[in-house]
Amino acid sequence: MKSEKELLIGFVSHVFKSSDTENDTFSHSALAKLSLTSIRMVASDALEACSGLKKMQQDKLSSELQELGLPPLEAYQNRGFKEFLKIVGRGKIRKEKELRVIQSLSETTILSPEHQKIAYELLDTYN
C-alpha cells in the first residue's frame, strides 16, 4: 500500500500537472523532496483549487485519480480520510476518537478495498 506521502504526492502532481516537465514544481521528484508536513500543506492548496471546479470537472478528476490507483477526490475532501492516513502511517489506533474515525470510514465507499482491509485489521488489533 502507498504511504500517506505517496498518495498526497500523486494527488498534488495530478491536480497541478504541467506540460513543462523540466521546470515542473509539482512533479513527483520535486514533491518527494519535501517533508510530509509540506506535502500536506500543498495538498490542502490543491483541494482548495479543486473546490472551484464544476461538479462534472470534479467527477472527471476523481475518475482520473482512480485510474492512477489513487483515492477519488471525495476521499481527499473528507477530513476523516486525512486522519485515517495518519493512523495507517502509524500502524496503530491510539485513542477512542481514532477508533471512531476508523469505524465510520470502514463502512463507506470512500476507502478502496485495500484501505478497507487495513481499516479492519486496525480495528481487530485495537485493545
N, C-alpha and C. Protein backbone atom coordinates (compact mmCIF):
# COMPACT_ATOMS: atom_id res chain seq x y z
N MET A 1 0.83 -1.18 0.00
CA MET A 1 0.00 0.00 0.00
C MET A 1 0.88 1.25 0.00
N LYS A 2 0.42 2.26 -0.69
CA LYS A 2 1.17 3.51 -0.76
C LYS A 2 1.07 4.24 0.57
N SER A 3 2.14 4.92 0.93
CA SER A 3 2.15 5.70 2.16
C SER A 3 1.33 6.97 1.98
N GLU A 4 1.06 7.65 3.08
CA GLU A 4 0.32 8.92 3.01
C GLU A 4 1.04 9.89 2.10
N LYS A 5 2.35 9.97 2.24
CA LYS A 5 3.14 10.90 1.42
C LYS A 5 3.01 10.56 -0.07
N GLU A 6 3.10 9.29 -0.41
CA GLU A 6 2.98 8.87 -1.82
C GLU A 6 1.60 9.20 -2.38
N LEU A 7 0.55 8.96 -1.59
CA LEU A 7 -0.81 9.28 -2.04
C LEU A 7 -0.98 10.78 -2.27
N LEU A 8 -0.48 11.57 -1.34
CA LEU A 8 -0.62 13.02 -1.46
C LEU A 8 0.22 13.57 -2.62
N ILE A 9 1.42 13.02 -2.83
CA ILE A 9 2.26 13.44 -3.95
C ILE A 9 1.54 13.14 -5.27
N GLY A 10 0.96 11.95 -5.37
CA GLY A 10 0.23 11.59 -6.59
C GLY A 10 -0.94 12.53 -6.84
N PHE A 11 -1.67 12.84 -5.78
CA PHE A 11 -2.81 13.74 -5.88
C PHE A 11 -2.37 15.13 -6.34
N VAL A 12 -1.40 15.71 -5.64
CA VAL A 12 -0.94 17.07 -5.94
C VAL A 12 -0.36 17.15 -7.34
N SER A 13 0.48 16.20 -7.70
CA SER A 13 1.11 16.27 -9.02
C SER A 13 0.08 16.13 -10.14
N HIS A 14 -1.01 15.40 -9.88
CA HIS A 14 -2.05 15.27 -10.90
C HIS A 14 -2.90 16.54 -10.99
N VAL A 15 -3.24 17.10 -9.85
CA VAL A 15 -4.07 18.32 -9.85
C VAL A 15 -3.31 19.48 -10.50
N PHE A 16 -2.01 19.60 -10.18
CA PHE A 16 -1.21 20.71 -10.69
C PHE A 16 -0.31 20.28 -11.85
N LYS A 17 -0.72 19.27 -12.61
CA LYS A 17 0.14 18.78 -13.70
C LYS A 17 0.42 19.89 -14.71
N SER A 18 1.62 19.80 -15.28
CA SER A 18 2.08 20.82 -16.22
C SER A 18 2.68 20.14 -17.44
N SER A 19 2.64 20.82 -18.55
CA SER A 19 3.25 20.28 -19.77
C SER A 19 4.76 20.52 -19.77
N ASP A 20 5.23 21.43 -18.92
CA ASP A 20 6.66 21.72 -18.81
C ASP A 20 7.27 20.78 -17.77
N THR A 21 7.69 19.61 -18.20
CA THR A 21 8.17 18.59 -17.27
C THR A 21 9.52 18.92 -16.66
N GLU A 22 10.34 19.73 -17.33
CA GLU A 22 11.67 20.07 -16.79
C GLU A 22 11.59 21.04 -15.63
N ASN A 23 10.70 21.99 -15.69
CA ASN A 23 10.59 23.02 -14.66
C ASN A 23 9.33 22.86 -13.83
N ASP A 24 8.82 21.67 -13.73
CA ASP A 24 7.57 21.42 -13.02
C ASP A 24 7.80 21.36 -11.52
N THR A 25 7.32 22.38 -10.81
CA THR A 25 7.47 22.45 -9.36
C THR A 25 6.71 21.34 -8.66
N PHE A 26 5.66 20.84 -9.30
CA PHE A 26 4.81 19.84 -8.67
C PHE A 26 5.02 18.44 -9.25
N SER A 27 6.18 18.18 -9.79
CA SER A 27 6.49 16.84 -10.30
C SER A 27 6.69 15.89 -9.11
N HIS A 28 6.58 14.61 -9.38
CA HIS A 28 6.78 13.62 -8.32
C HIS A 28 8.14 13.81 -7.65
N SER A 29 9.18 13.97 -8.44
CA SER A 29 10.53 14.07 -7.88
C SER A 29 10.71 15.33 -7.04
N ALA A 30 10.14 16.45 -7.49
CA ALA A 30 10.25 17.69 -6.72
C ALA A 30 9.48 17.59 -5.41
N LEU A 31 8.28 17.02 -5.47
CA LEU A 31 7.46 16.89 -4.26
C LEU A 31 8.04 15.89 -3.27
N ALA A 32 8.69 14.86 -3.78
CA ALA A 32 9.26 13.82 -2.91
C ALA A 32 10.34 14.38 -2.00
N LYS A 33 10.94 15.50 -2.37
CA LYS A 33 11.99 16.11 -1.56
C LYS A 33 11.43 16.88 -0.37
N LEU A 34 10.15 17.16 -0.39
CA LEU A 34 9.51 17.92 0.68
C LEU A 34 9.18 17.04 1.87
N SER A 35 9.03 17.67 3.02
CA SER A 35 8.61 16.94 4.22
C SER A 35 7.13 16.59 4.11
N LEU A 36 6.69 15.64 4.91
CA LEU A 36 5.28 15.25 4.91
C LEU A 36 4.39 16.44 5.27
N THR A 37 4.82 17.26 6.22
CA THR A 37 4.05 18.44 6.61
C THR A 37 3.88 19.38 5.42
N SER A 38 4.95 19.59 4.67
CA SER A 38 4.88 20.47 3.50
C SER A 38 3.96 19.88 2.43
N ILE A 39 4.03 18.58 2.25
CA ILE A 39 3.16 17.91 1.27
C ILE A 39 1.70 18.09 1.68
N ARG A 40 1.42 17.95 2.96
CA ARG A 40 0.04 18.14 3.45
C ARG A 40 -0.45 19.55 3.15
N MET A 41 0.42 20.54 3.33
CA MET A 41 0.04 21.93 3.06
C MET A 41 -0.25 22.14 1.57
N VAL A 42 0.59 21.57 0.72
CA VAL A 42 0.39 21.69 -0.73
C VAL A 42 -0.90 20.96 -1.13
N ALA A 43 -1.15 19.81 -0.50
CA ALA A 43 -2.37 19.06 -0.79
C ALA A 43 -3.61 19.87 -0.40
N SER A 44 -3.53 20.60 0.70
CA SER A 44 -4.64 21.48 1.10
C SER A 44 -4.88 22.55 0.05
N ASP A 45 -3.79 23.09 -0.49
CA ASP A 45 -3.93 24.09 -1.56
C ASP A 45 -4.56 23.46 -2.80
N ALA A 46 -4.17 22.23 -3.11
CA ALA A 46 -4.74 21.53 -4.27
C ALA A 46 -6.24 21.30 -4.06
N LEU A 47 -6.63 20.93 -2.85
CA LEU A 47 -8.05 20.73 -2.54
C LEU A 47 -8.82 22.04 -2.69
N GLU A 48 -8.21 23.12 -2.24
CA GLU A 48 -8.86 24.42 -2.36
C GLU A 48 -9.04 24.79 -3.83
N ALA A 49 -8.03 24.48 -4.64
CA ALA A 49 -8.13 24.75 -6.07
C ALA A 49 -9.25 23.92 -6.70
N CYS A 50 -9.41 22.69 -6.23
CA CYS A 50 -10.45 21.80 -6.77
C CYS A 50 -11.86 22.24 -6.36
N SER A 51 -11.96 22.96 -5.26
CA SER A 51 -13.29 23.35 -4.79
C SER A 51 -13.97 24.31 -5.77
N GLY A 52 -13.19 24.99 -6.60
CA GLY A 52 -13.77 25.89 -7.59
C GLY A 52 -14.18 25.21 -8.89
N LEU A 53 -13.88 23.93 -9.00
CA LEU A 53 -14.24 23.19 -10.22
C LEU A 53 -15.73 22.88 -10.23
N LYS A 54 -16.29 22.79 -11.43
CA LYS A 54 -17.68 22.37 -11.57
C LYS A 54 -17.78 20.89 -11.23
N LYS A 55 -18.98 20.45 -10.90
CA LYS A 55 -19.22 19.06 -10.50
C LYS A 55 -18.71 18.08 -11.56
N MET A 56 -18.96 18.37 -12.83
CA MET A 56 -18.53 17.50 -13.91
C MET A 56 -17.00 17.40 -13.96
N GLN A 57 -16.32 18.52 -13.71
CA GLN A 57 -14.86 18.52 -13.70
C GLN A 57 -14.32 17.75 -12.50
N GLN A 58 -15.00 17.89 -11.36
CA GLN A 58 -14.59 17.14 -10.17
C GLN A 58 -14.76 15.64 -10.39
N ASP A 59 -15.85 15.25 -11.03
CA ASP A 59 -16.08 13.83 -11.33
C ASP A 59 -15.00 13.29 -12.26
N LYS A 60 -14.63 14.10 -13.25
CA LYS A 60 -13.58 13.69 -14.20
C LYS A 60 -12.26 13.53 -13.47
N LEU A 61 -11.93 14.46 -12.59
CA LEU A 61 -10.70 14.40 -11.81
C LEU A 61 -10.70 13.15 -10.92
N SER A 62 -11.83 12.86 -10.29
CA SER A 62 -11.95 11.66 -9.46
C SER A 62 -11.67 10.40 -10.27
N SER A 63 -12.24 10.33 -11.46
CA SER A 63 -12.02 9.17 -12.34
C SER A 63 -10.56 9.04 -12.71
N GLU A 64 -9.93 10.16 -13.05
CA GLU A 64 -8.52 10.13 -13.42
C GLU A 64 -7.65 9.67 -12.26
N LEU A 65 -7.96 10.15 -11.06
CA LEU A 65 -7.20 9.75 -9.87
C LEU A 65 -7.33 8.25 -9.64
N GLN A 66 -8.54 7.73 -9.77
CA GLN A 66 -8.76 6.30 -9.56
C GLN A 66 -8.05 5.47 -10.62
N GLU A 67 -8.00 5.96 -11.86
CA GLU A 67 -7.27 5.25 -12.91
C GLU A 67 -5.78 5.17 -12.59
N LEU A 68 -5.27 6.16 -11.85
CA LEU A 68 -3.87 6.18 -11.45
C LEU A 68 -3.63 5.35 -10.18
N GLY A 69 -4.69 4.74 -9.66
CA GLY A 69 -4.55 3.95 -8.44
C GLY A 69 -4.58 4.78 -7.17
N LEU A 70 -5.13 5.98 -7.28
CA LEU A 70 -5.23 6.88 -6.14
C LEU A 70 -6.69 6.97 -5.68
N PRO A 71 -6.91 7.36 -4.44
CA PRO A 71 -8.29 7.55 -3.97
C PRO A 71 -8.99 8.65 -4.77
N PRO A 72 -10.33 8.61 -4.84
CA PRO A 72 -11.07 9.66 -5.56
C PRO A 72 -10.98 11.00 -4.83
N LEU A 73 -11.32 12.06 -5.52
CA LEU A 73 -11.28 13.41 -4.96
C LEU A 73 -12.07 13.50 -3.65
N GLU A 74 -13.22 12.82 -3.60
CA GLU A 74 -14.07 12.87 -2.41
C GLU A 74 -13.32 12.38 -1.17
N ALA A 75 -12.42 11.44 -1.34
CA ALA A 75 -11.66 10.92 -0.20
C ALA A 75 -10.74 12.00 0.36
N TYR A 76 -10.07 12.72 -0.52
CA TYR A 76 -9.17 13.78 -0.07
C TYR A 76 -9.95 14.92 0.59
N GLN A 77 -11.20 15.12 0.16
CA GLN A 77 -12.01 16.18 0.74
C GLN A 77 -12.58 15.78 2.11
N ASN A 78 -12.54 14.51 2.41
CA ASN A 78 -13.09 14.00 3.67
C ASN A 78 -12.04 14.14 4.77
N ARG A 79 -12.37 14.88 5.81
CA ARG A 79 -11.45 15.09 6.92
C ARG A 79 -11.05 13.78 7.60
N GLY A 80 -12.00 12.89 7.70
CA GLY A 80 -11.73 11.60 8.33
C GLY A 80 -10.70 10.80 7.55
N PHE A 81 -10.69 10.94 6.23
CA PHE A 81 -9.73 10.21 5.41
C PHE A 81 -8.31 10.69 5.70
N LYS A 82 -8.15 11.98 5.90
CA LYS A 82 -6.83 12.52 6.25
C LYS A 82 -6.35 11.92 7.57
N GLU A 83 -7.26 11.86 8.53
CA GLU A 83 -6.92 11.27 9.83
C GLU A 83 -6.62 9.78 9.66
N PHE A 84 -7.40 9.12 8.81
CA PHE A 84 -7.19 7.69 8.53
C PHE A 84 -5.77 7.45 8.01
N LEU A 85 -5.31 8.29 7.08
CA LEU A 85 -3.96 8.13 6.53
C LEU A 85 -2.89 8.28 7.61
N LYS A 86 -3.11 9.20 8.54
CA LYS A 86 -2.15 9.38 9.63
C LYS A 86 -2.11 8.13 10.52
N ILE A 87 -3.27 7.60 10.82
CA ILE A 87 -3.35 6.41 11.69
C ILE A 87 -2.71 5.21 10.99
N VAL A 88 -2.99 5.04 9.71
CA VAL A 88 -2.41 3.93 8.95
C VAL A 88 -0.89 4.06 8.91
N GLY A 89 -0.41 5.28 8.72
CA GLY A 89 1.04 5.52 8.70
C GLY A 89 1.69 5.11 10.00
N ARG A 90 1.00 5.34 11.09
CA ARG A 90 1.50 4.97 12.41
C ARG A 90 1.31 3.48 12.67
N GLY A 91 0.26 2.91 12.07
CA GLY A 91 0.01 1.48 12.20
C GLY A 91 -0.72 1.07 13.46
N LYS A 92 -1.29 2.02 14.17
CA LYS A 92 -1.93 1.69 15.44
C LYS A 92 -2.96 2.76 15.81
N ILE A 93 -4.10 2.32 16.33
CA ILE A 93 -5.11 3.23 16.85
C ILE A 93 -4.73 3.54 18.29
N ARG A 94 -4.59 4.82 18.61
CA ARG A 94 -4.18 5.21 19.97
C ARG A 94 -5.33 5.64 20.86
N LYS A 95 -6.28 6.37 20.28
CA LYS A 95 -7.35 6.97 21.08
C LYS A 95 -8.71 6.49 20.61
N GLU A 96 -9.70 6.70 21.46
CA GLU A 96 -11.06 6.34 21.10
C GLU A 96 -11.57 7.16 19.92
N LYS A 97 -11.13 8.41 19.83
CA LYS A 97 -11.52 9.27 18.70
C LYS A 97 -11.03 8.64 17.38
N GLU A 98 -9.81 8.13 17.38
CA GLU A 98 -9.27 7.48 16.19
C GLU A 98 -10.04 6.21 15.87
N LEU A 99 -10.45 5.51 16.90
CA LEU A 99 -11.26 4.30 16.72
C LEU A 99 -12.56 4.64 16.00
N ARG A 100 -13.21 5.73 16.43
CA ARG A 100 -14.47 6.14 15.79
C ARG A 100 -14.24 6.54 14.32
N VAL A 101 -13.13 7.20 14.03
CA VAL A 101 -12.82 7.58 12.65
C VAL A 101 -12.69 6.33 11.78
N ILE A 102 -11.93 5.36 12.27
CA ILE A 102 -11.71 4.12 11.51
C ILE A 102 -13.03 3.37 11.34
N GLN A 103 -13.83 3.29 12.40
CA GLN A 103 -15.11 2.59 12.32
C GLN A 103 -16.03 3.25 11.30
N SER A 104 -16.10 4.57 11.32
CA SER A 104 -17.02 5.26 10.41
C SER A 104 -16.56 5.14 8.95
N LEU A 105 -15.27 5.23 8.72
CA LEU A 105 -14.77 5.14 7.35
C LEU A 105 -14.81 3.72 6.80
N SER A 106 -14.67 2.74 7.67
CA SER A 106 -14.63 1.36 7.19
C SER A 106 -15.95 0.93 6.57
N GLU A 107 -17.00 1.64 6.85
CA GLU A 107 -18.32 1.29 6.33
C GLU A 107 -18.75 2.18 5.16
N THR A 108 -17.82 2.94 4.59
CA THR A 108 -18.17 3.83 3.48
C THR A 108 -17.49 3.37 2.19
N THR A 109 -17.85 4.04 1.11
CA THR A 109 -17.23 3.72 -0.18
C THR A 109 -16.02 4.62 -0.44
N ILE A 110 -15.66 5.47 0.51
CA ILE A 110 -14.50 6.35 0.34
C ILE A 110 -13.22 5.53 0.28
N LEU A 111 -13.16 4.48 1.09
CA LEU A 111 -11.95 3.66 1.13
C LEU A 111 -11.93 2.65 0.00
N SER A 112 -10.74 2.46 -0.55
CA SER A 112 -10.55 1.41 -1.55
C SER A 112 -10.60 0.07 -0.83
N PRO A 113 -10.77 -1.03 -1.54
CA PRO A 113 -10.77 -2.34 -0.88
C PRO A 113 -9.49 -2.59 -0.07
N GLU A 114 -8.37 -2.10 -0.59
CA GLU A 114 -7.09 -2.26 0.13
C GLU A 114 -7.11 -1.48 1.44
N HIS A 115 -7.61 -0.24 1.39
CA HIS A 115 -7.70 0.56 2.61
C HIS A 115 -8.73 -0.01 3.58
N GLN A 116 -9.83 -0.56 3.06
CA GLN A 116 -10.82 -1.17 3.94
C GLN A 116 -10.22 -2.36 4.70
N LYS A 117 -9.44 -3.15 4.00
CA LYS A 117 -8.78 -4.29 4.64
C LYS A 117 -7.88 -3.82 5.79
N ILE A 118 -7.13 -2.76 5.54
CA ILE A 118 -6.25 -2.21 6.58
C ILE A 118 -7.08 -1.66 7.74
N ALA A 119 -8.19 -1.02 7.43
CA ALA A 119 -9.06 -0.48 8.48
C ALA A 119 -9.57 -1.61 9.37
N TYR A 120 -10.00 -2.70 8.77
CA TYR A 120 -10.49 -3.85 9.56
C TYR A 120 -9.38 -4.46 10.39
N GLU A 121 -8.16 -4.50 9.86
CA GLU A 121 -7.02 -5.02 10.62
C GLU A 121 -6.72 -4.14 11.82
N LEU A 122 -6.79 -2.82 11.62
CA LEU A 122 -6.57 -1.90 12.73
C LEU A 122 -7.65 -2.07 13.80
N LEU A 123 -8.87 -2.24 13.36
CA LEU A 123 -9.97 -2.43 14.32
C LEU A 123 -9.79 -3.74 15.10
N ASP A 124 -9.34 -4.79 14.41
CA ASP A 124 -9.12 -6.08 15.08
C ASP A 124 -8.01 -6.02 16.12
N THR A 125 -6.99 -5.20 15.86
CA THR A 125 -5.86 -5.16 16.79
C THR A 125 -6.00 -4.11 17.88
N TYR A 126 -7.08 -3.29 17.83
CA TYR A 126 -7.27 -2.28 18.85
C TYR A 126 -7.60 -2.93 20.19
N ASN A 127 -6.93 -2.47 21.22
CA ASN A 127 -7.13 -3.06 22.57
C ASN A 127 -8.29 -2.43 23.27
